[in-house]
């Protein structure tokens, strides 16, 4: 009896976050193209992301990190110098990739990259309405940074076992549109093997039948309320 061929998929760290949040939502998205509903996407975070990149690129030319990257955790840390390569990794079309033996691809766009003693450190910018903490950062962005570590290693780069999130939260409004931000770096321990395992489990799930929803998934709870039938 012949076996069904395994299908290959192209996934991003954000889709893996959905997989971890609710397998059923993830399966419906990738297999049936039924995406979770979402409201109007605010443009301010993307605008902040753009100007923060410009800010760090100016310091890249100066070959030194800005004053916001200070303290023991940043001792000896430098900005990745190759602007042309970084621009490619920042673009979703030419970003980082990890390809599994079965042909499935994990891809992502990197915000920035730090270097220390020849090792590379994933570095991502975040904006938030108020200061945060390590527990919250790990909850929402652990998988994303683990994936960056895996993809960097797949590109032949030796990575550190940690990465950084740099949070910007509004602090004070000044005249003529000036806003002062609270800048908060958070160091997170990384494990590329963890990202690889999540990726492989996600591919395996997509090659199977419609899974159960996560007990706490509010999207699936909404669907159950209206008794909307979905069949694999």
C-alpha atoms as a PDB file:
ATOM      1  CA  UNK A   1       0.000   0.000   0.000  1.00  0.00           C
ATOM      2  CA  UNK A   2       1.439   3.362  -1.007  1.00  0.00           C
ATOM      3  CA  UNK A   3       1.820   6.089   1.593  1.00  0.00           C
ATOM      4  CA  UNK A   4       0.582   9.638   1.100  1.00  0.00           C
ATOM      5  CA  UNK A   5       3.446  11.990   0.300  1.00  0.00           C
ATOM      6  CA  UNK A   6       4.293  14.523   2.983  1.00  0.00           C
ATOM      7  CA  UNK A   7       3.314  18.050   2.000  1.00  0.00           C
ATOM      8  CA  UNK A   8       5.817  20.852   2.435  1.00  0.00           C
ATOM      9  CA  UNK A   9       5.019  24.284   3.847  1.00  0.00           C
ATOM     10  CA  UNK A  10       6.564  27.718   4.236  1.00  0.00           C
ATOM     11  CA  UNK A  11       6.107  29.078   7.747  1.00  0.00           C
ATOM     12  CA  UNK A  12       7.188  32.159   9.664  1.00  0.00           C
ATOM     13  CA  UNK A  13       7.822  32.702  13.392  1.00  0.00           C
ATOM     14  CA  UNK A  14       4.448  34.478  13.664  1.00  0.00           C
ATOM     15  CA  UNK A  15       2.591  31.472  12.217  1.00  0.00           C
ATOM     16  CA  UNK A  16       4.430  29.199  14.662  1.00  0.00           C
ATOM     17  CA  UNK A  17       3.171  31.447  17.467  1.00  0.00           C
ATOM     18  CA  UNK A  18      -0.372  30.724  16.257  1.00  0.00           C
ATOM     19  CA  UNK A  19       0.481  27.002  16.212  1.00  0.00           C
ATOM     20  CA  UNK A  20       1.547  27.185  19.850  1.00  0.00           C
ATOM     21  CA  UNK A  21      -1.499  29.260  20.748  1.00  0.00           C
ATOM     22  CA  UNK A  22      -4.073  27.027  19.028  1.00  0.00           C
ATOM     23  CA  UNK A  23      -3.339  24.082  16.678  1.00  0.00           C
ATOM     24  CA  UNK A  24      -6.823  24.254  15.165  1.00  0.00           C
ATOM     25  CA  UNK A  25      -6.540  27.956  14.198  1.00  0.00           C
ATOM     26  CA  UNK A  26      -3.114  27.228  12.733  1.00  0.00           C
ATOM     27  CA  UNK A  27      -4.376  24.260  10.681  1.00  0.00           C
ATOM     28  CA  UNK A  28      -7.384  26.189   9.362  1.00  0.00           C
ATOM     29  CA  UNK A  29      -5.130  29.077   8.332  1.00  0.00           C
ATOM     30  CA  UNK A  30      -2.536  27.018   6.450  1.00  0.00           C
ATOM     31  CA  UNK A  31      -4.783  24.244   5.052  1.00  0.00           C
ATOM     32  CA  UNK A  32      -8.132  25.979   4.476  1.00  0.00           C
ATOM     33  CA  UNK A  33      -6.924  29.607   4.224  1.00  0.00           C
ATOM     34  CA  UNK A  34      -9.346  30.531   7.019  1.00  0.00           C
ATOM     35  CA  UNK A  35      -7.530  33.162   9.040  1.00  0.00           C
ATOM     36  CA  UNK A  36      -8.305  34.489  12.468  1.00  0.00           C
ATOM     37  CA  UNK A  37     -10.342  37.714  12.303  1.00  0.00           C
ATOM     38  CA  UNK A  38      -8.418  40.869  13.066  1.00  0.00           C
ATOM     39  CA  UNK A  39      -9.318  44.494  13.413  1.00  0.00           C
ATOM     40  CA  UNK A  40      -7.708  47.540  11.866  1.00  0.00           C
ATOM     41  CA  UNK A  41      -3.928  47.181  12.041  1.00  0.00           C
ATOM     42  CA  UNK A  42      -2.349  50.302  13.633  1.00  0.00           C
ATOM     43  CA  UNK A  43       0.299  51.974  11.483  1.00  0.00           C
ATOM     44  CA  UNK A  44       2.209  53.559  14.388  1.00  0.00           C
ATOM     45  CA  UNK A  45       4.214  50.406  15.304  1.00  0.00           C
ATOM     46  CA  UNK A  46       5.428  49.980  11.711  1.00  0.00           C
ATOM     47  CA  UNK A  47       6.357  53.666  11.611  1.00  0.00           C
ATOM     48  CA  UNK A  48       8.290  53.304  14.848  1.00  0.00           C
ATOM     49  CA  UNK A  49      10.029  50.216  13.482  1.00  0.00           C
ATOM     50  CA  UNK A  50      11.136  52.195  10.422  1.00  0.00           C
ATOM     51  CA  UNK A  51      12.599  55.166  12.337  1.00  0.00           C
ATOM     52  CA  UNK A  52      14.297  52.896  14.909  1.00  0.00           C
ATOM     53  CA  UNK A  53      16.035  51.066  12.059  1.00  0.00           C
ATOM     54  CA  UNK A  54      17.228  54.417  10.666  1.00  0.00           C
ATOM     55  CA  UNK A  55      18.485  55.387  14.125  1.00  0.00           C
ATOM     56  CA  UNK A  56      20.549  52.212  14.502  1.00  0.00           C
ATOM     57  CA  UNK A  57      21.795  52.394  10.917  1.00  0.00           C
ATOM     58  CA  UNK A  58      23.239  55.858  11.646  1.00  0.00           C
ATOM     59  CA  UNK A  59      25.228  54.366  14.510  1.00  0.00           C
ATOM     60  CA  UNK A  60      26.245  51.456  12.280  1.00  0.00           C
ATOM     61  CA  UNK A  61      28.013  53.974  10.036  1.00  0.00           C
ATOM     62  CA  UNK A  62      29.787  55.338  13.124  1.00  0.00           C
ATOM     63  CA  UNK A  63      30.801  51.744  13.999  1.00  0.00           C
ATOM     64  CA  UNK A  64      29.511  51.987  17.565  1.00  0.00           C
ATOM     65  CA  UNK A  65      26.291  51.104  19.411  1.00  0.00           C
ATOM     66  CA  UNK A  66      24.039  53.899  20.724  1.00  0.00           C
ATOM     67  CA  UNK A  67      23.991  54.831  24.395  1.00  0.00           C
ATOM     68  CA  UNK A  68      20.775  52.856  24.947  1.00  0.00           C
ATOM     69  CA  UNK A  69      22.805  49.646  24.692  1.00  0.00           C
ATOM     70  CA  UNK A  70      24.758  49.921  27.906  1.00  0.00           C
ATOM     71  CA  UNK A  71      25.418  47.911  31.029  1.00  0.00           C
ATOM     72  CA  UNK A  72      27.157  44.561  31.656  1.00  0.00           C
ATOM     73  CA  UNK A  73      24.995  42.669  29.153  1.00  0.00           C
ATOM     74  CA  UNK A  74      26.241  44.877  26.313  1.00  0.00           C
ATOM     75  CA  UNK A  75      29.916  44.919  27.284  1.00  0.00           C
ATOM     76  CA  UNK A  76      31.929  44.176  24.121  1.00  0.00           C
ATOM     77  CA  UNK A  77      28.798  44.061  21.935  1.00  0.00           C
ATOM     78  CA  UNK A  78      28.905  45.681  18.485  1.00  0.00           C
ATOM     79  CA  UNK A  79      26.358  46.316  15.737  1.00  0.00           C
ATOM     80  CA  UNK A  80      26.537  43.987  12.735  1.00  0.00           C
ATOM     81  CA  UNK A  81      28.491  46.065  10.184  1.00  0.00           C
ATOM     82  CA  UNK A  82      27.327  44.733   6.804  1.00  0.00           C
ATOM     83  CA  UNK A  83      24.435  47.093   6.012  1.00  0.00           C
ATOM     84  CA  UNK A  84      23.793  45.579   2.567  1.00  0.00           C
ATOM     85  CA  UNK A  85      23.415  42.074   3.996  1.00  0.00           C
ATOM     86  CA  UNK A  86      21.274  43.327   6.869  1.00  0.00           C
ATOM     87  CA  UNK A  87      18.941  45.084   4.417  1.00  0.00           C
ATOM     88  CA  UNK A  88      18.415  41.747   2.657  1.00  0.00           C
ATOM     89  CA  UNK A  89      17.654  39.973   5.941  1.00  0.00           C
ATOM     90  CA  UNK A  90      15.194  42.718   6.889  1.00  0.00           C
ATOM     91  CA  UNK A  91      13.136  42.110   3.743  1.00  0.00           C
ATOM     92  CA  UNK A  92      10.549  39.296   3.832  1.00  0.00           C
ATOM     93  CA  UNK A  93      11.382  38.435   0.211  1.00  0.00           C
ATOM     94  CA  UNK A  94      15.106  37.979   0.879  1.00  0.00           C
ATOM     95  CA  UNK A  95      15.120  37.313   4.617  1.00  0.00           C
ATOM     96  CA  UNK A  96      16.613  34.513   6.660  1.00  0.00           C
ATOM     97  CA  UNK A  97      15.607  30.917   5.971  1.00  0.00           C
ATOM     98  CA  UNK A  98      15.950  27.459   7.458  1.00  0.00           C
ATOM     99  CA  UNK A  99      15.065  24.520   5.198  1.00  0.00           C
ATOM    100  CA  UNK A 100      14.137  21.188   6.739  1.00  0.00           C
ATOM    101  CA  UNK A 101      15.173  17.855   5.173  1.00  0.00           C
ATOM    102  CA  UNK A 102      11.620  17.352   3.842  1.00  0.00           C
ATOM    103  CA  UNK A 103      11.761  20.677   1.957  1.00  0.00           C
ATOM    104  CA  UNK A 104       9.620  22.806   4.270  1.00  0.00           C
ATOM    105  CA  UNK A 105      10.929  26.318   4.923  1.00  0.00           C
ATOM    106  CA  UNK A 106      11.022  28.558   7.972  1.00  0.00           C
ATOM    107  CA  UNK A 107      11.540  32.176   6.969  1.00  0.00           C
ATOM    108  CA  UNK A 108      11.692  35.517   8.749  1.00  0.00           C
ATOM    109  CA  UNK A 109      12.776  39.143   8.545  1.00  0.00           C
ATOM    110  CA  UNK A 110      15.326  40.282  11.116  1.00  0.00           C
ATOM    111  CA  UNK A 111      15.248  43.758  12.684  1.00  0.00           C
ATOM    112  CA  UNK A 112      18.925  43.882  13.586  1.00  0.00           C
ATOM    113  CA  UNK A 113      21.924  41.838  14.617  1.00  0.00           C
ATOM    114  CA  UNK A 114      24.566  42.256  17.297  1.00  0.00           C
ATOM    115  CA  UNK A 115      28.032  40.697  17.388  1.00  0.00           C
ATOM    116  CA  UNK A 116      30.227  39.768  20.337  1.00  0.00           C
ATOM    117  CA  UNK A 117      33.543  37.924  20.103  1.00  0.00           C
ATOM    118  CA  UNK A 118      32.632  36.576  16.665  1.00  0.00           C
ATOM    119  CA  UNK A 119      29.227  35.278  17.741  1.00  0.00           C
ATOM    120  CA  UNK A 120      25.918  36.670  16.501  1.00  0.00           C
ATOM    121  CA  UNK A 121      23.018  37.844  18.663  1.00  0.00           C
ATOM    122  CA  UNK A 122      19.431  38.262  17.361  1.00  0.00           C
ATOM    123  CA  UNK A 123      18.155  41.750  18.179  1.00  0.00           C
ATOM    124  CA  UNK A 124      14.540  42.867  17.726  1.00  0.00           C
ATOM    125  CA  UNK A 125      12.764  46.168  18.378  1.00  0.00           C
ATOM    126  CA  UNK A 126       9.340  46.329  20.025  1.00  0.00           C
ATOM    127  CA  UNK A 127       6.930  49.159  20.855  1.00  0.00           C
ATOM    128  CA  UNK A 128       4.506  48.937  23.760  1.00  0.00           C
ATOM    129  CA  UNK A 129       2.135  51.292  25.548  1.00  0.00           C
ATOM    130  CA  UNK A 130       3.963  50.879  28.875  1.00  0.00           C
ATOM    131  CA  UNK A 131       7.136  49.255  30.241  1.00  0.00           C
ATOM    132  CA  UNK A 132       7.114  45.458  30.306  1.00  0.00           C
ATOM    133  CA  UNK A 133       8.984  42.639  32.028  1.00  0.00           C
ATOM    134  CA  UNK A 134      10.976  39.538  31.094  1.00  0.00           C
ATOM    135  CA  UNK A 135       8.055  37.165  31.746  1.00  0.00           C
ATOM    136  CA  UNK A 136       5.846  38.975  29.231  1.00  0.00           C
ATOM    137  CA  UNK A 137       8.670  39.251  26.689  1.00  0.00           C
ATOM    138  CA  UNK A 138       9.359  35.503  26.890  1.00  0.00           C
ATOM    139  CA  UNK A 139       5.649  34.658  26.633  1.00  0.00           C
ATOM    140  CA  UNK A 140       5.147  36.556  23.381  1.00  0.00           C
ATOM    141  CA  UNK A 141       8.544  36.539  21.655  1.00  0.00           C
ATOM    142  CA  UNK A 142      10.535  33.491  22.798  1.00  0.00           C
ATOM    143  CA  UNK A 143       9.601  31.505  19.691  1.00  0.00           C
ATOM    144  CA  UNK A 144      10.432  34.402  17.376  1.00  0.00           C
ATOM    145  CA  UNK A 145      13.963  34.833  18.760  1.00  0.00           C
ATOM    146  CA  UNK A 146      14.552  31.051  18.887  1.00  0.00           C
ATOM    147  CA  UNK A 147      13.620  30.949  15.182  1.00  0.00           C
ATOM    148  CA  UNK A 148      16.061  33.751  14.364  1.00  0.00           C
ATOM    149  CA  UNK A 149      18.796  31.770  16.109  1.00  0.00           C
ATOM    150  CA  UNK A 150      17.947  28.664  14.059  1.00  0.00           C
ATOM    151  CA  UNK A 151      17.886  30.602  10.784  1.00  0.00           C
ATOM    152  CA  UNK A 152      21.163  32.382  11.510  1.00  0.00           C
ATOM    153  CA  UNK A 153      22.820  29.023  12.227  1.00  0.00           C
ATOM    154  CA  UNK A 154      21.392  27.684   8.952  1.00  0.00           C
ATOM    155  CA  UNK A 155      23.221  30.564   7.238  1.00  0.00           C
ATOM    156  CA  UNK A 156      26.525  29.463   8.751  1.00  0.00           C
ATOM    157  CA  UNK A 157      26.650  32.000  11.592  1.00  0.00           C
ATOM    158  CA  UNK A 158      27.763  30.982  15.079  1.00  0.00           C
ATOM    159  CA  UNK A 159      25.179  32.376  17.499  1.00  0.00           C
ATOM    160  CA  UNK A 160      25.188  33.223  21.194  1.00  0.00           C
ATOM    161  CA  UNK A 161      22.728  31.396  23.445  1.00  0.00           C
ATOM    162  CA  UNK A 162      20.776  34.599  24.066  1.00  0.00           C
ATOM    163  CA  UNK A 163      19.156  37.459  22.195  1.00  0.00           C
ATOM    164  CA  UNK A 164      17.769  40.897  22.984  1.00  0.00           C
ATOM    165  CA  UNK A 165      14.432  42.654  22.686  1.00  0.00           C
ATOM    166  CA  UNK A 166      14.571  46.448  22.859  1.00  0.00           C
ATOM    167  CA  UNK A 167      11.254  47.918  23.982  1.00  0.00           C
ATOM    168  CA  UNK A 168      10.217  51.517  23.354  1.00  0.00           C
ATOM    169  CA  UNK A 169       7.276  52.788  25.429  1.00  0.00           C
ATOM    170  CA  UNK A 170       6.025  56.425  25.486  1.00  0.00           C
ATOM    171  CA  UNK A 171       7.031  58.377  28.566  1.00  0.00           C
ATOM    172  CA  UNK A 172       6.490  62.111  28.003  1.00  0.00           C
ATOM    173  CA  UNK A 173       5.078  64.374  25.285  1.00  0.00           C
ATOM    174  CA  UNK A 174       7.026  67.555  24.554  1.00  0.00           C
ATOM    175  CA  UNK A 175       6.400  70.568  22.344  1.00  0.00           C
ATOM    176  CA  UNK A 176       6.462  70.400  18.526  1.00  0.00           C
ATOM    177  CA  UNK A 177       5.652  66.713  18.408  1.00  0.00           C
ATOM    178  CA  UNK A 178       8.532  65.555  20.568  1.00  0.00           C
ATOM    179  CA  UNK A 179       7.983  62.337  22.517  1.00  0.00           C
ATOM    180  CA  UNK A 180      10.371  60.883  25.078  1.00  0.00           C
ATOM    181  CA  UNK A 181      10.402  57.085  25.228  1.00  0.00           C
ATOM    182  CA  UNK A 182      11.319  54.653  27.955  1.00  0.00           C
ATOM    183  CA  UNK A 183      13.936  52.359  26.387  1.00  0.00           C
ATOM    184  CA  UNK A 184      14.059  48.902  27.927  1.00  0.00           C
ATOM    185  CA  UNK A 185      16.436  46.141  26.770  1.00  0.00           C
ATOM    186  CA  UNK A 186      15.486  42.597  27.808  1.00  0.00           C
ATOM    187  CA  UNK A 187      17.876  39.664  27.478  1.00  0.00           C
ATOM    188  CA  UNK A 188      16.308  36.295  26.624  1.00  0.00           C
ATOM    189  CA  UNK A 189      17.972  32.859  26.650  1.00  0.00           C
ATOM    190  CA  UNK A 190      17.671  31.155  23.249  1.00  0.00           C
ATOM    191  CA  UNK A 191      17.652  27.571  22.008  1.00  0.00           C
ATOM    192  CA  UNK A 192      17.597  26.893  18.258  1.00  0.00           C
ATOM    193  CA  UNK A 193      16.750  23.232  18.951  1.00  0.00           C
ATOM    194  CA  UNK A 194      13.504  24.369  20.547  1.00  0.00           C
ATOM    195  CA  UNK A 195      12.580  26.306  17.409  1.00  0.00           C
ATOM    196  CA  UNK A 196      13.447  23.327  15.205  1.00  0.00           C
ATOM    197  CA  UNK A 197      11.241  21.019  17.284  1.00  0.00           C
ATOM    198  CA  UNK A 198       8.290  23.448  17.139  1.00  0.00           C
ATOM    199  CA  UNK A 199       8.730  23.814  13.371  1.00  0.00           C
ATOM    200  CA  UNK A 200       8.849  20.049  12.822  1.00  0.00           C
ATOM    201  CA  UNK A 201       5.796  19.493  15.038  1.00  0.00           C
ATOM    202  CA  UNK A 202       3.895  22.180  13.118  1.00  0.00           C
ATOM    203  CA  UNK A 203       4.676  20.527   9.772  1.00  0.00           C
ATOM    204  CA  UNK A 204       3.611  17.149  11.140  1.00  0.00           C
ATOM    205  CA  UNK A 205       0.313  18.608  12.348  1.00  0.00           C
ATOM    206  CA  UNK A 206      -0.382  20.200   8.941  1.00  0.00           C
ATOM    207  CA  UNK A 207       0.018  16.787   7.310  1.00  0.00           C
ATOM    208  CA  UNK A 208      -2.695  15.358   9.543  1.00  0.00           C
ATOM    209  CA  UNK A 209      -6.444  15.869  10.074  1.00  0.00           C
ATOM    210  CA  UNK A 210      -8.103  18.913  11.630  1.00  0.00           C
ATOM    211  CA  UNK A 211      -6.899  19.011  15.261  1.00  0.00           C
ATOM    212  CA  UNK A 212      -8.751  20.014  18.389  1.00  0.00           C
ATOM    213  CA  UNK A 213      -8.668  23.634  19.442  1.00  0.00           C
ATOM    214  CA  UNK A 214      -6.749  24.882  22.446  1.00  0.00           C
ATOM    215  CA  UNK A 215      -9.059  24.999  25.488  1.00  0.00           C
ATOM    216  CA  UNK A 216      -8.410  28.723  26.045  1.00  0.00           C
ATOM    217  CA  UNK A 217      -8.670  29.824  22.389  1.00  0.00           C
ATOM    218  CA  UNK A 218     -11.186  32.677  22.271  1.00  0.00           C
ATOM    219  CA  UNK A 219     -11.454  32.473  18.467  1.00  0.00           C
ATOM    220  CA  UNK A 220     -12.548  28.843  18.546  1.00  0.00           C
ATOM    221  CA  UNK A 221     -14.849  29.603  21.482  1.00  0.00           C
ATOM    222  CA  UNK A 222     -16.552  32.261  19.356  1.00  0.00           C
ATOM    223  CA  UNK A 223     -17.005  29.768  16.516  1.00  0.00           C
ATOM    224  CA  UNK A 224     -18.415  27.148  18.871  1.00  0.00           C
ATOM    225  CA  UNK A 225     -20.896  29.698  20.138  1.00  0.00           C
ATOM    226  CA  UNK A 226     -22.325  29.993  16.628  1.00  0.00           C
ATOM    227  CA  UNK A 227     -21.892  26.248  15.980  1.00  0.00           C
ATOM    228  CA  UNK A 228     -20.014  26.808  12.727  1.00  0.00           C
ATOM    229  CA  UNK A 229     -19.090  23.384  11.263  1.00  0.00           C
ATOM    230  CA  UNK A 230     -15.583  22.774   9.912  1.00  0.00           C
ATOM    231  CA  UNK A 231     -14.561  19.463   8.486  1.00  0.00           C
ATOM    232  CA  UNK A 232     -11.075  18.279   7.601  1.00  0.00           C
END
